[in-house]
Amino acid sequence: MFTGIIEEKGEVVAVEPAGDSARLSVRGPIVVSDARHGDSIAVNGVCLTVVDVRGEVFTVDVIKESLDRSSLGALAEGSAVNLERAVRADQRLGGHIVQGHVDGTAVLLSRQPGTNWDNLRFSLPEALSRYVAEKGSIAIDGISLTVTTVDDESFGVSLIPTTLKLTTMGERQVGDLVNIEVDVIAKYVERLVVRQ
């Protein structure tokens, strides 16, 4: 489990295609400081398992399911990525419950700079729109954010300077593809209601 509080911006140092999967090597000095084989690290919101650690670089395998549901297949050497280690039981839950199980992707539709923040609007896949609510939580590229506006086809978020500086959101341009994970509680509530 993750919190959506990004620990650092990392950099992809290698992408090795392997048929319908891939192996990524990512530089992230903070997240590898205590990383071992088998640990979970979220890369742009996708929970991945560490298979190797060498210095400041960790390596993960990305299976077809993750490539199909996320934007990880578009990563190249030099790509910036958001990184977060799995939360320990004795840590604060600063964002919201993020599983690292990306539900799909969205496109950045618009970016409106404010005085001390930016307002961003993203497309909203029809299959996920019922899980997104104004003032609810959503994870975009692994970042825990609050939905500020929502309609059937799009949603908005407002980003503070810290988020813009310490995550990839500061660099995102209109047309960029991002990973989204809706609030897991909404999915469980729906399943319970539908089964009654």
Protein backbone atom coordinates (compact mmCIF):
# COMPACT_ATOMS: atom_id res chain seq x y z
CA MET A 1 0.00 0.00 0.00
CA PHE A 2 1.10 3.57 -0.71
CA THR A 3 -0.01 7.02 0.44
CA GLY A 4 0.37 9.04 -2.75
CA ILE A 5 2.99 11.26 -1.10
CA ILE A 6 5.84 11.16 -3.61
CA GLU A 7 9.27 10.71 -2.03
CA GLU A 8 11.33 11.78 -5.01
CA LYS A 9 11.46 12.34 -8.74
CA GLY A 10 13.53 9.57 -10.28
CA GLU A 11 14.96 9.04 -13.75
CA VAL A 12 14.66 6.03 -16.04
CA VAL A 13 18.18 4.93 -16.95
CA ALA A 14 17.30 1.89 -19.07
CA VAL A 15 14.31 0.24 -20.73
CA GLU A 16 14.73 -3.33 -21.95
CA PRO A 17 11.76 -4.66 -23.96
CA ALA A 18 11.14 -8.39 -23.34
CA GLY A 19 8.40 -9.51 -25.72
CA ASP A 20 5.10 -8.43 -24.19
CA SER A 21 6.82 -7.18 -21.01
CA ALA A 22 9.71 -4.89 -20.14
CA ARG A 23 12.46 -4.38 -17.59
CA LEU A 24 13.00 -0.85 -16.24
CA SER A 25 16.02 0.47 -14.41
CA VAL A 26 15.37 3.66 -12.46
CA ARG A 27 17.68 6.00 -10.53
CA GLY A 28 16.19 7.00 -7.18
CA PRO A 29 18.70 7.53 -4.34
CA ILE A 30 16.05 8.01 -1.65
CA VAL A 31 13.85 5.01 -2.48
CA VAL A 32 16.84 2.67 -2.91
CA SER A 33 18.46 3.71 0.38
CA ASP A 34 16.86 0.70 2.10
CA ALA A 35 15.47 -1.22 -0.90
CA ARG A 36 15.98 -4.94 -1.26
CA HIS A 37 14.95 -7.62 -3.72
CA GLY A 38 11.19 -8.16 -3.40
CA ASP A 39 10.33 -4.70 -2.05
CA SER A 40 7.53 -2.67 -3.65
CA ILE A 41 8.15 0.74 -5.20
CA ALA A 42 5.47 2.73 -7.02
CA VAL A 43 6.72 4.14 -10.33
CA ASN A 44 4.28 6.80 -11.60
CA GLY A 45 1.69 5.15 -9.38
CA VAL A 46 2.25 1.57 -10.56
CA CYS A 47 3.28 -0.86 -7.81
CA LEU A 48 6.34 -2.76 -9.05
CA THR A 49 8.60 -5.34 -7.39
CA VAL A 50 12.31 -4.67 -7.06
CA VAL A 51 14.37 -7.42 -8.71
CA ASP A 52 17.81 -5.79 -8.38
CA VAL A 53 19.50 -2.86 -6.65
CA ARG A 54 22.88 -1.46 -7.71
CA GLY A 55 23.99 1.79 -6.11
CA GLU A 56 21.28 4.41 -6.71
CA VAL A 57 19.51 2.32 -9.37
CA PHE A 58 16.77 -0.28 -8.91
CA THR A 59 15.39 -2.63 -11.55
CA VAL A 60 11.80 -3.87 -11.94
CA ASP A 61 9.93 -6.10 -14.37
CA VAL A 62 6.74 -4.72 -15.91
CA ILE A 63 4.23 -7.32 -17.14
CA LYS A 64 1.78 -6.96 -20.03
CA GLU A 65 -1.17 -6.12 -17.73
CA SER A 66 0.72 -3.14 -16.30
CA LEU A 67 1.88 -2.00 -19.74
CA ASP A 68 -1.69 -2.25 -21.10
CA ARG A 69 -3.33 -0.28 -18.25
CA SER A 70 -0.68 2.37 -17.66
CA SER A 71 1.62 4.81 -19.40
CA LEU A 72 4.76 2.86 -18.42
CA GLY A 73 5.16 1.52 -21.97
CA ALA A 74 5.86 5.08 -23.15
CA LEU A 75 8.82 5.56 -20.79
CA ALA A 76 12.27 5.96 -22.34
CA GLU A 77 15.77 6.50 -21.07
CA GLY A 78 15.84 9.92 -19.38
CA SER A 79 12.11 9.98 -18.51
CA ALA A 80 11.31 11.54 -15.13
CA VAL A 81 9.10 9.39 -12.87
CA ASN A 82 7.42 9.77 -9.48
CA LEU A 83 8.69 7.32 -6.86
CA GLU A 84 7.27 6.14 -3.54
CA ARG A 85 8.18 3.17 -1.35
CA ALA A 86 5.41 1.06 0.14
CA VAL A 87 4.21 2.50 3.45
CA ARG A 88 5.26 0.84 6.70
CA ALA A 89 2.65 0.10 9.39
CA ASP A 90 4.23 2.68 11.74
CA GLN A 91 4.09 5.58 9.23
CA ARG A 92 1.54 8.36 8.89
CA LEU A 93 -0.96 8.04 6.06
CA GLY A 94 -0.42 11.53 4.69
CA GLY A 95 -2.36 11.20 1.43
CA HIS A 96 -4.97 8.50 0.94
CA ILE A 97 -4.97 4.73 0.46
CA VAL A 98 -3.26 4.11 -2.87
CA GLN A 99 -2.82 0.51 -3.96
CA GLY A 100 -0.55 1.08 -6.92
CA HIS A 101 -3.09 -0.81 -9.05
CA VAL A 102 -3.62 1.72 -11.82
CA ASP A 103 -7.18 1.73 -13.20
CA GLY A 104 -6.34 3.40 -16.49
CA THR A 105 -4.89 6.46 -18.14
CA ALA A 106 -6.05 10.02 -18.74
CA VAL A 107 -4.88 12.85 -20.97
CA LEU A 108 -3.99 16.31 -19.68
CA LEU A 109 -6.55 18.53 -21.44
CA SER A 110 -5.63 21.95 -20.06
CA ARG A 111 -3.28 23.70 -17.69
CA GLN A 112 -4.17 27.05 -16.15
CA PRO A 113 -1.47 28.72 -14.05
CA GLY A 114 -2.61 30.54 -10.90
CA THR A 115 -0.72 32.88 -8.61
CA ASN A 116 0.60 30.10 -6.37
CA TRP A 117 -0.91 26.99 -7.94
CA ASP A 118 -1.87 25.42 -11.27
CA ASN A 119 -5.30 24.12 -12.22
CA LEU A 120 -5.11 21.02 -14.41
CA ARG A 121 -7.98 19.30 -16.24
CA PHE A 122 -7.79 15.66 -17.35
CA SER A 123 -9.94 13.42 -19.51
CA LEU A 124 -12.01 10.90 -17.58
CA PRO A 125 -12.52 7.43 -19.05
CA GLU A 126 -16.23 6.58 -19.08
CA ALA A 127 -15.70 3.33 -17.17
CA LEU A 128 -14.11 5.25 -14.26
CA SER A 129 -16.30 8.37 -14.11
CA ARG A 130 -18.69 6.91 -11.52
CA TYR A 131 -15.81 6.58 -9.02
CA VAL A 132 -14.68 10.20 -9.19
CA ALA A 133 -16.35 12.79 -6.94
CA GLU A 134 -15.74 16.45 -6.25
CA LYS A 135 -13.54 16.77 -3.14
CA GLY A 136 -12.80 13.04 -3.37
CA SER A 137 -9.34 11.51 -3.70
CA ILE A 138 -7.62 10.40 -6.89
CA ALA A 139 -4.05 9.34 -7.63
CA ILE A 140 -2.46 10.80 -10.78
CA ASP A 141 0.91 9.26 -11.62
CA GLY A 142 0.94 8.08 -8.00
CA ILE A 143 0.28 11.52 -6.48
CA SER A 144 -2.58 11.75 -3.97
CA LEU A 145 -4.74 14.65 -5.10
CA THR A 146 -8.15 16.13 -4.34
CA VAL A 147 -10.65 16.40 -7.18
CA THR A 148 -11.76 20.04 -7.48
CA THR A 149 -14.26 19.67 -10.32
CA VAL A 150 -15.78 16.74 -12.20
CA ASP A 151 -18.21 16.07 -15.04
CA ASP A 152 -18.94 12.95 -17.09
CA GLU A 153 -15.90 13.41 -19.35
CA SER A 154 -13.23 15.20 -17.32
CA PHE A 155 -12.01 16.19 -13.87
CA GLY A 156 -9.83 18.91 -12.43
CA VAL A 157 -7.20 19.19 -9.71
CA SER A 158 -5.30 22.13 -8.25
CA LEU A 159 -1.60 21.76 -7.54
CA ILE A 160 0.37 23.65 -4.91
CA PRO A 161 3.98 24.80 -5.58
CA THR A 162 5.46 21.86 -3.63
CA THR A 163 3.66 19.32 -5.80
CA LEU A 164 4.68 21.18 -8.96
CA LYS A 165 8.33 21.25 -7.87
CA LEU A 166 8.77 17.79 -6.36
CA THR A 167 6.78 15.67 -8.84
CA THR A 168 6.49 15.24 -12.59
CA MET A 169 3.26 17.32 -12.61
CA GLY A 170 5.32 20.50 -12.91
CA GLU A 171 6.61 19.27 -16.29
CA ARG A 172 3.40 17.80 -17.72
CA GLN A 173 2.13 19.40 -20.93
CA VAL A 174 -1.30 19.39 -22.57
CA GLY A 175 -1.67 16.06 -24.41
CA ASP A 176 0.50 14.08 -21.98
CA LEU A 177 -0.77 10.68 -20.83
CA VAL A 178 -0.92 10.01 -17.07
CA ASN A 179 -1.85 7.05 -14.88
CA ILE A 180 -4.95 7.31 -12.71
CA GLU A 181 -6.11 5.24 -9.79
CA VAL A 182 -9.56 5.96 -8.42
CA ASP A 183 -10.38 5.66 -4.73
CA VAL A 184 -10.54 1.95 -3.84
CA ILE A 185 -13.24 2.61 -1.23
CA ALA A 186 -15.63 3.79 -3.98
CA LYS A 187 -15.09 0.54 -5.88
CA TYR A 188 -15.81 -1.58 -2.80
CA VAL A 189 -18.94 0.42 -1.92
CA GLU A 190 -20.25 -0.06 -5.46
CA ARG A 191 -19.61 -3.80 -5.32
CA LEU A 192 -21.41 -4.11 -1.98
CA VAL A 193 -24.42 -2.13 -3.18
CA VAL A 194 -24.68 -4.01 -6.47
CA ARG A 195 -24.58 -7.41 -4.71
CA GLN A 196 -27.56 -6.57 -2.45
